[in-house]
Amino acid sequence: MRIISGTHKSRRISPDKNFKARPTTDFAKENLFNVLNNTINFEDLNVLDLFGGTGSISYEFASRGAEQVICIELNFKHCAFIKKTIKELGFTQIHALRADIFKYLKGCKKTFDLIFADPPYDLDTIDTIPDAIFKQNILNENGIVIVEHSSRNDFSQHPLFQETRSYGSVNFSFFRLKN
């Protein structure tokens, strides 16, 4: 796993062999960020990374100049790995928190420009994630929600759905508030 671009371009991150998270593939991540490069300005961006896993997405946003990244991960070992990597890479704008994302969302008082969720593909409640986010009014005007998922999930009927991009076995569904 590597950071694709920005101040830490080409830096490799290597979780232990027994790490249980499924990181977003470099191929999918590179394509996702190519799409985002054409739609957002990374500087001054406030990002919420849900289901942080290895922290790969958080590192990518920070490397590209995001102002603040909140990374939420429930697994103790994964969160400890993310915190250790943040320190090693010197990212002061990433804050990793160990929490259940649904509980975090209910108590969240901050707002974000971009919210990225990469839940386990077999999570029973994966289809509820967009509504759990939008219900809390934590997305800034013109903000984006991106949910990573397998091809088994179809969000196209959601009222705030914009599009899905597929890269191999990785799918990204984009949502925006309607103006």
Foldseek 3Di string as FASTA:
>chain_A
DAQCDAPRHGDDDDDDPPQDDDDDDPQVVVVVVVVVVVPDQLAQFEEEEEQCRQVRVVVNSLRSHHQAYEYEHQDPVNLVNNVVVCVVVVRPRYHYDHDDVLVCLVPDPAAGQEYEYEDDQPDPCLLCVVVSNVVSVRYDANGKYKYKYFPVDDNPPPPQWDDWDDDPRIIITIGHDDD
